[in-house]
Every structure is written in C-alpha cells, then in structure tokens.
C-alpha atoms as a PDB file:
ATOM      1  CA  UNK A   1      18.353  14.953  12.838  1.00  0.00           C
ATOM      2  CA  UNK A   2      20.051  14.714   9.451  1.00  0.00           C
ATOM      3  CA  UNK A   3      20.137  11.303   7.692  1.00  0.00           C
ATOM      4  CA  UNK A   4      22.209  10.519   4.666  1.00  0.00           C
ATOM      5  CA  UNK A   5      20.523   7.741   2.659  1.00  0.00           C
ATOM      6  CA  UNK A   6      22.779   5.297   0.185  1.00  0.00           C
ATOM      7  CA  UNK A   7      19.827   4.677  -2.136  1.00  0.00           C
ATOM      8  CA  UNK A   8      21.016   1.253  -2.609  1.00  0.00           C
ATOM      9  CA  UNK A   9      21.224  -2.414  -0.981  1.00  0.00           C
ATOM     10  CA  UNK A  10      24.533  -3.460  -3.527  1.00  0.00           C
ATOM     11  CA  UNK A  11      27.005  -4.536  -1.287  1.00  0.00           C
ATOM     12  CA  UNK A  12      30.746  -2.147  -1.698  1.00  0.00           C
ATOM     13  CA  UNK A  13      28.811   0.646  -4.080  1.00  0.00           C
ATOM     14  CA  UNK A  14      29.863   3.582  -5.127  1.00  0.00           C
ATOM     15  CA  UNK A  15      27.070   5.045  -3.622  1.00  0.00           C
ATOM     16  CA  UNK A  16      28.176   4.213  -0.187  1.00  0.00           C
ATOM     17  CA  UNK A  17      31.314   5.657  -0.846  1.00  0.00           C
ATOM     18  CA  UNK A  18      29.799   8.586  -2.367  1.00  0.00           C
ATOM     19  CA  UNK A  19      27.308   8.936   0.683  1.00  0.00           C
ATOM     20  CA  UNK A  20      30.099   8.695   3.374  1.00  0.00           C
ATOM     21  CA  UNK A  21      32.330  11.240   1.551  1.00  0.00           C
ATOM     22  CA  UNK A  22      29.447  13.659   1.551  1.00  0.00           C
ATOM     23  CA  UNK A  23      28.999  12.760   5.435  1.00  0.00           C
ATOM     24  CA  UNK A  24      32.761  13.570   5.782  1.00  0.00           C
ATOM     25  CA  UNK A  25      32.433  16.915   4.266  1.00  0.00           C
ATOM     26  CA  UNK A  26      29.415  17.889   6.034  1.00  0.00           C
ATOM     27  CA  UNK A  27      30.887  16.966   9.172  1.00  0.00           C
ATOM     28  CA  UNK A  28      33.994  19.295   8.238  1.00  0.00           C
ATOM     29  CA  UNK A  29      32.059  21.782   7.941  1.00  0.00           C
ATOM     30  CA  UNK A  30      29.645  22.003  11.090  1.00  0.00           C
ATOM     31  CA  UNK A  31      26.697  19.590  10.215  1.00  0.00           C
ATOM     32  CA  UNK A  32      26.766  16.293  11.660  1.00  0.00           C
ATOM     33  CA  UNK A  33      24.880  13.748   9.896  1.00  0.00           C
ATOM     34  CA  UNK A  34      23.813   9.988  10.350  1.00  0.00           C
ATOM     35  CA  UNK A  35      24.070   7.711   7.384  1.00  0.00           C
ATOM     36  CA  UNK A  36      21.799   4.966   6.732  1.00  0.00           C
ATOM     37  CA  UNK A  37      22.528   2.217   3.761  1.00  0.00           C
ATOM     38  CA  UNK A  38      20.304   0.308   2.588  1.00  0.00           C
ATOM     39  CA  UNK A  39      21.838  -2.589   3.086  1.00  0.00           C
ATOM     40  CA  UNK A  40      20.974  -2.397   6.577  1.00  0.00           C
ATOM     41  CA  UNK A  41      17.605  -3.162   5.637  1.00  0.00           C
ATOM     42  CA  UNK A  42      15.844  -6.383   6.876  1.00  0.00           C
ATOM     43  CA  UNK A  43      16.174  -9.373   3.955  1.00  0.00           C
ATOM     44  CA  UNK A  44      12.522 -10.067   5.071  1.00  0.00           C
ATOM     45  CA  UNK A  45      11.487  -6.255   4.373  1.00  0.00           C
ATOM     46  CA  UNK A  46       8.629  -7.263   1.712  1.00  0.00           C
ATOM     47  CA  UNK A  47       7.130  -9.937   3.757  1.00  0.00           C
ATOM     48  CA  UNK A  48       6.904  -8.050   7.155  1.00  0.00           C
ATOM     49  CA  UNK A  49       7.631  -4.549   6.745  1.00  0.00           C
ATOM     50  CA  UNK A  50       4.603  -3.508   4.323  1.00  0.00           C
ATOM     51  CA  UNK A  51       1.148  -2.884   4.746  1.00  0.00           C
ATOM     52  CA  UNK A  52       1.162  -1.601   8.606  1.00  0.00           C
ATOM     53  CA  UNK A  53       3.505  -4.503   9.558  1.00  0.00           C
ATOM     54  CA  UNK A  54       6.467  -3.922  11.735  1.00  0.00           C
ATOM     55  CA  UNK A  55       8.914  -6.543  12.510  1.00  0.00           C
ATOM     56  CA  UNK A  56      11.358  -5.675  15.210  1.00  0.00           C
ATOM     57  CA  UNK A  57      14.604  -5.384  12.477  1.00  0.00           C
ATOM     58  CA  UNK A  58      12.911  -2.482  10.966  1.00  0.00           C
ATOM     59  CA  UNK A  59      11.742  -0.551  14.124  1.00  0.00           C
ATOM     60  CA  UNK A  60      15.273   0.911  14.639  1.00  0.00           C
ATOM     61  CA  UNK A  61      15.327   2.158  11.461  1.00  0.00           C
ATOM     62  CA  UNK A  62      11.596   3.759  11.421  1.00  0.00           C
ATOM     63  CA  UNK A  63      12.867   5.516  14.416  1.00  0.00           C
ATOM     64  CA  UNK A  64      15.707   7.413  12.384  1.00  0.00           C
ATOM     65  CA  UNK A  65      13.426   7.943   9.696  1.00  0.00           C
ATOM     66  CA  UNK A  66      10.963   9.741  12.240  1.00  0.00           C
ATOM     67  CA  UNK A  67      13.151  11.830  13.846  1.00  0.00           C
ATOM     68  CA  UNK A  68      14.936  12.980  10.548  1.00  0.00           C
ATOM     69  CA  UNK A  69      13.900  16.164   9.627  1.00  0.00           C
ATOM     70  CA  UNK A  70      16.344  16.869   6.740  1.00  0.00           C
ATOM     71  CA  UNK A  71      17.798  13.653   4.096  1.00  0.00           C
ATOM     72  CA  UNK A  72      20.216  13.353   1.577  1.00  0.00           C
ATOM     73  CA  UNK A  73      19.803  10.813  -0.745  1.00  0.00           C
ATOM     74  CA  UNK A  74      22.358   9.644  -2.787  1.00  0.00           C
ATOM     75  CA  UNK A  75      20.322   7.411  -5.642  1.00  0.00           C
ATOM     76  CA  UNK A  76      22.433   5.672  -8.016  1.00  0.00           C
ATOM     77  CA  UNK A  77      21.000   4.931 -11.720  1.00  0.00           C
ATOM     78  CA  UNK A  78      19.201   1.171 -12.119  1.00  0.00           C
ATOM     79  CA  UNK A  79      17.944   0.687 -15.576  1.00  0.00           C
ATOM     80  CA  UNK A  80      16.782   4.342 -16.501  1.00  0.00           C
ATOM     81  CA  UNK A  81      15.463   5.074 -13.199  1.00  0.00           C
ATOM     82  CA  UNK A  82      16.194   4.683  -9.544  1.00  0.00           C
ATOM     83  CA  UNK A  83      16.583   1.371  -7.769  1.00  0.00           C
ATOM     84  CA  UNK A  84      13.339  -0.648  -6.717  1.00  0.00           C
ATOM     85  CA  UNK A  85      14.951  -1.345  -3.216  1.00  0.00           C
ATOM     86  CA  UNK A  86      14.950   2.894  -2.691  1.00  0.00           C
ATOM     87  CA  UNK A  87      11.163   2.415  -3.255  1.00  0.00           C
ATOM     88  CA  UNK A  88      10.271  -0.026  -1.021  1.00  0.00           C
ATOM     89  CA  UNK A  89      11.831   1.367   1.597  1.00  0.00           C
ATOM     90  CA  UNK A  90       9.998   4.253   1.108  1.00  0.00           C
ATOM     91  CA  UNK A  91       6.959   2.213   1.200  1.00  0.00           C
ATOM     92  CA  UNK A  92       7.642   0.391   4.169  1.00  0.00           C
ATOM     93  CA  UNK A  93       8.360   3.491   6.185  1.00  0.00           C
ATOM     94  CA  UNK A  94       5.016   4.923   8.262  1.00  0.00           C
ATOM     95  CA  UNK A  95       3.319   7.532   6.476  1.00  0.00           C
ATOM     96  CA  UNK A  96       3.152  10.295   7.326  1.00  0.00           C
ATOM     97  CA  UNK A  97       5.433  10.850   9.982  1.00  0.00           C
ATOM     98  CA  UNK A  98       8.275   9.757   7.993  1.00  0.00           C
ATOM     99  CA  UNK A  99       8.775  12.448   5.660  1.00  0.00           C
ATOM    100  CA  UNK A 100       5.526  14.779   5.445  1.00  0.00           C
ATOM    101  CA  UNK A 101       6.961  18.442   5.807  1.00  0.00           C
ATOM    102  CA  UNK A 102      10.222  17.174   5.446  1.00  0.00           C
ATOM    103  CA  UNK A 103      13.220  18.452   3.654  1.00  0.00           C
ATOM    104  CA  UNK A 104      15.485  16.571   1.008  1.00  0.00           C
ATOM    105  CA  UNK A 105      18.577  16.814  -1.324  1.00  0.00           C
ATOM    106  CA  UNK A 106      19.625  14.829  -4.374  1.00  0.00           C
ATOM    107  CA  UNK A 107      22.114  13.061  -5.275  1.00  0.00           C
ATOM    108  CA  UNK A 108      22.233  11.149  -8.913  1.00  0.00           C
ATOM    109  CA  UNK A 109      25.220   9.122  -9.846  1.00  0.00           C
ATOM    110  CA  UNK A 110      25.600   6.588 -12.247  1.00  0.00           C
ATOM    111  CA  UNK A 111      28.675   4.896 -14.154  1.00  0.00           C
ATOM    112  CA  UNK A 112      27.533   6.416 -17.214  1.00  0.00           C
ATOM    113  CA  UNK A 113      27.281   9.856 -18.642  1.00  0.00           C
ATOM    114  CA  UNK A 114      23.882  10.721 -17.506  1.00  0.00           C
ATOM    115  CA  UNK A 115      24.411  10.668 -13.421  1.00  0.00           C
ATOM    116  CA  UNK A 116      21.138   9.364 -13.404  1.00  0.00           C
ATOM    117  CA  UNK A 117      18.995  12.143 -14.629  1.00  0.00           C
ATOM    118  CA  UNK A 118      16.090  10.276 -15.075  1.00  0.00           C
ATOM    119  CA  UNK A 119      15.781   8.798 -11.668  1.00  0.00           C
ATOM    120  CA  UNK A 120      16.563  11.734  -9.890  1.00  0.00           C
ATOM    121  CA  UNK A 121      13.793  13.128 -11.664  1.00  0.00           C
ATOM    122  CA  UNK A 122      11.596  10.174 -10.989  1.00  0.00           C
ATOM    123  CA  UNK A 123      12.203   9.941  -7.255  1.00  0.00           C
ATOM    124  CA  UNK A 124      11.607  13.647  -7.354  1.00  0.00           C
ATOM    125  CA  UNK A 125       7.885  13.087  -8.286  1.00  0.00           C
ATOM    126  CA  UNK A 126       7.517  10.486  -5.520  1.00  0.00           C
ATOM    127  CA  UNK A 127       8.857  13.046  -3.134  1.00  0.00           C
ATOM    128  CA  UNK A 128       6.643  15.684  -3.965  1.00  0.00           C
ATOM    129  CA  UNK A 129       3.572  13.220  -3.691  1.00  0.00           C
ATOM    130  CA  UNK A 130       4.894  12.576   0.366  1.00  0.00           C
ATOM    131  CA  UNK A 131       4.946  15.964   1.029  1.00  0.00           C
ATOM    132  CA  UNK A 132       8.852  15.737   1.146  1.00  0.00           C
ATOM    133  CA  UNK A 133      10.300  19.047   0.332  1.00  0.00           C
ATOM    134  CA  UNK A 134      13.166  18.432  -2.160  1.00  0.00           C
ATOM    135  CA  UNK A 135      15.987  21.606  -2.950  1.00  0.00           C
ATOM    136  CA  UNK A 136      16.513  22.655  -5.601  1.00  0.00           C
ATOM    137  CA  UNK A 137      20.018  21.990  -6.284  1.00  0.00           C
ATOM    138  CA  UNK A 138      20.416  18.608  -7.577  1.00  0.00           C
ATOM    139  CA  UNK A 139      23.174  17.088  -8.439  1.00  0.00           C
ATOM    140  CA  UNK A 140      24.393  14.340 -11.162  1.00  0.00           C
ATOM    141  CA  UNK A 141      27.452  12.519 -10.733  1.00  0.00           C
ATOM    142  CA  UNK A 142      28.362  10.744 -14.504  1.00  0.00           C
ATOM    143  CA  UNK A 143      31.034   8.559 -14.430  1.00  0.00           C
ATOM    144  CA  UNK A 144      31.131   7.859 -10.885  1.00  0.00           C
ATOM    145  CA  UNK A 145      34.472   5.215 -11.267  1.00  0.00           C
ATOM    146  CA  UNK A 146      36.380   7.990 -12.552  1.00  0.00           C
ATOM    147  CA  UNK A 147      35.623  10.442 -10.077  1.00  0.00           C
ATOM    148  CA  UNK A 148      36.032   9.044  -6.864  1.00  0.00           C
ATOM    149  CA  UNK A 149      39.919   7.969  -5.903  1.00  0.00           C
ATOM    150  CA  UNK A 150      41.170   5.222  -3.922  1.00  0.00           C
ATOM    151  CA  UNK A 151      40.465   6.961  -0.848  1.00  0.00           C
ATOM    152  CA  UNK A 152      36.587   7.642  -1.497  1.00  0.00           C
ATOM    153  CA  UNK A 153      36.863  11.063  -2.020  1.00  0.00           C
ATOM    154  CA  UNK A 154      35.521  13.069  -4.790  1.00  0.00           C
ATOM    155  CA  UNK A 155      38.785  15.101  -6.763  1.00  0.00           C
ATOM    156  CA  UNK A 156      37.555  16.535 -10.194  1.00  0.00           C
ATOM    157  CA  UNK A 157      37.577  20.233  -9.808  1.00  0.00           C
ATOM    158  CA  UNK A 158      34.046  20.936 -11.087  1.00  0.00           C
ATOM    159  CA  UNK A 159      32.447  18.175  -9.335  1.00  0.00           C
ATOM    160  CA  UNK A 160      33.822  19.404  -6.109  1.00  0.00           C
ATOM    161  CA  UNK A 161      32.643  22.882  -6.885  1.00  0.00           C
ATOM    162  CA  UNK A 162      29.061  21.427  -7.571  1.00  0.00           C
ATOM    163  CA  UNK A 163      29.132  19.064  -4.393  1.00  0.00           C
ATOM    164  CA  UNK A 164      30.384  21.818  -2.304  1.00  0.00           C
ATOM    165  CA  UNK A 165      27.685  24.375  -3.647  1.00  0.00           C
ATOM    166  CA  UNK A 166      24.955  21.665  -2.932  1.00  0.00           C
ATOM    167  CA  UNK A 167      26.619  21.191   0.349  1.00  0.00           C
ATOM    168  CA  UNK A 168      26.626  24.567   1.435  1.00  0.00           C
ATOM    169  CA  UNK A 169      23.125  25.050   0.437  1.00  0.00           C
ATOM    170  CA  UNK A 170      21.760  21.535   2.052  1.00  0.00           C
ATOM    171  CA  UNK A 171      23.351  23.048   5.459  1.00  0.00           C
ATOM    172  CA  UNK A 172      20.913  26.155   5.561  1.00  0.00           C
ATOM    173  CA  UNK A 173      17.988  24.525   3.650  1.00  0.00           C
END
C-alpha cells in the first residue's frame, strides 16, 4: 500500500493541492495511492494519542500507516523547517510497525525561493532515526503559488520534468 501524506494541518493549503496532483499523476502512471492530510488528525491528538495512548479517532489513521509500505511526504516550509504537527503525527504513530524498514520519497515546497530544503533535511534525519528508507531524489518546489495553475496542476516545464522523474523512480523504489 502507498500513502501520500500532506504534511500540514492548514486547511486548503498548497500542500494538499500538490499532494492531490501527485496522487493524480501517479494514478495515471498505474500506481494506486491513498491520501492522508494531516487536517484529518483528531483535534485532541496531543492530549490523547501520544505515549502509548490511542483514541478511537486515531485508530483508523494508525491502521492506514501500519498497512502502508511506501510513503510520499509532501512537506511545506514552516519557520525554516517542517510543520510541528508532522513531528507530533510521527510521534503519535506506533513504533516500530508504522515506519520501520519502509520506504519514503520527500517533496518540499515553500512560498519562498528555497522549496523547504532545510525542512526536508531535518525530516530526513528523523526518517533515518526511525529506519524509514528515504529515496535519494528529493524535490524542492519554490514559489509554489506560481507553480500551480487554477486546477491545482503543475505546469512549469522544469518542475514537470523533475517531478515526473521523481514519480517514475518512486514507482520502482
């Protein structure tokens, strides 16, 4: 099972639009994926789902994560790194069955000019610690608002070329 994770809980974000774009294109390439937006996390996550506790609201999410073999994380830049809710989500998931010895591809995005390079590096360190194998080709999409059209599709020729290469490698990873 393959799951795309939109790494923020911000409603109507560019992150969810980019995650949906990846899901659409991967589907066209023959790879069926699920999509998990962190907007789906229970509001009580910090009080109820950390440190071995598990709420009934988090169980379906944990089930998805446990069944997933490959992840594609779409991660926006927040304050020079990645969103704290993504770290809380990782911490709430059961260890080791959630991520141990599984695979992941990483896509960074930002409204600025660096495409979340630092945040992707920070998240890579966490992935290594939890034994989540990261595909070497990481994509960084800067100035995301100028990269997505009104339909939520990428259209810049260079960006299309790089994301297509990443998707092709992800399929065989």
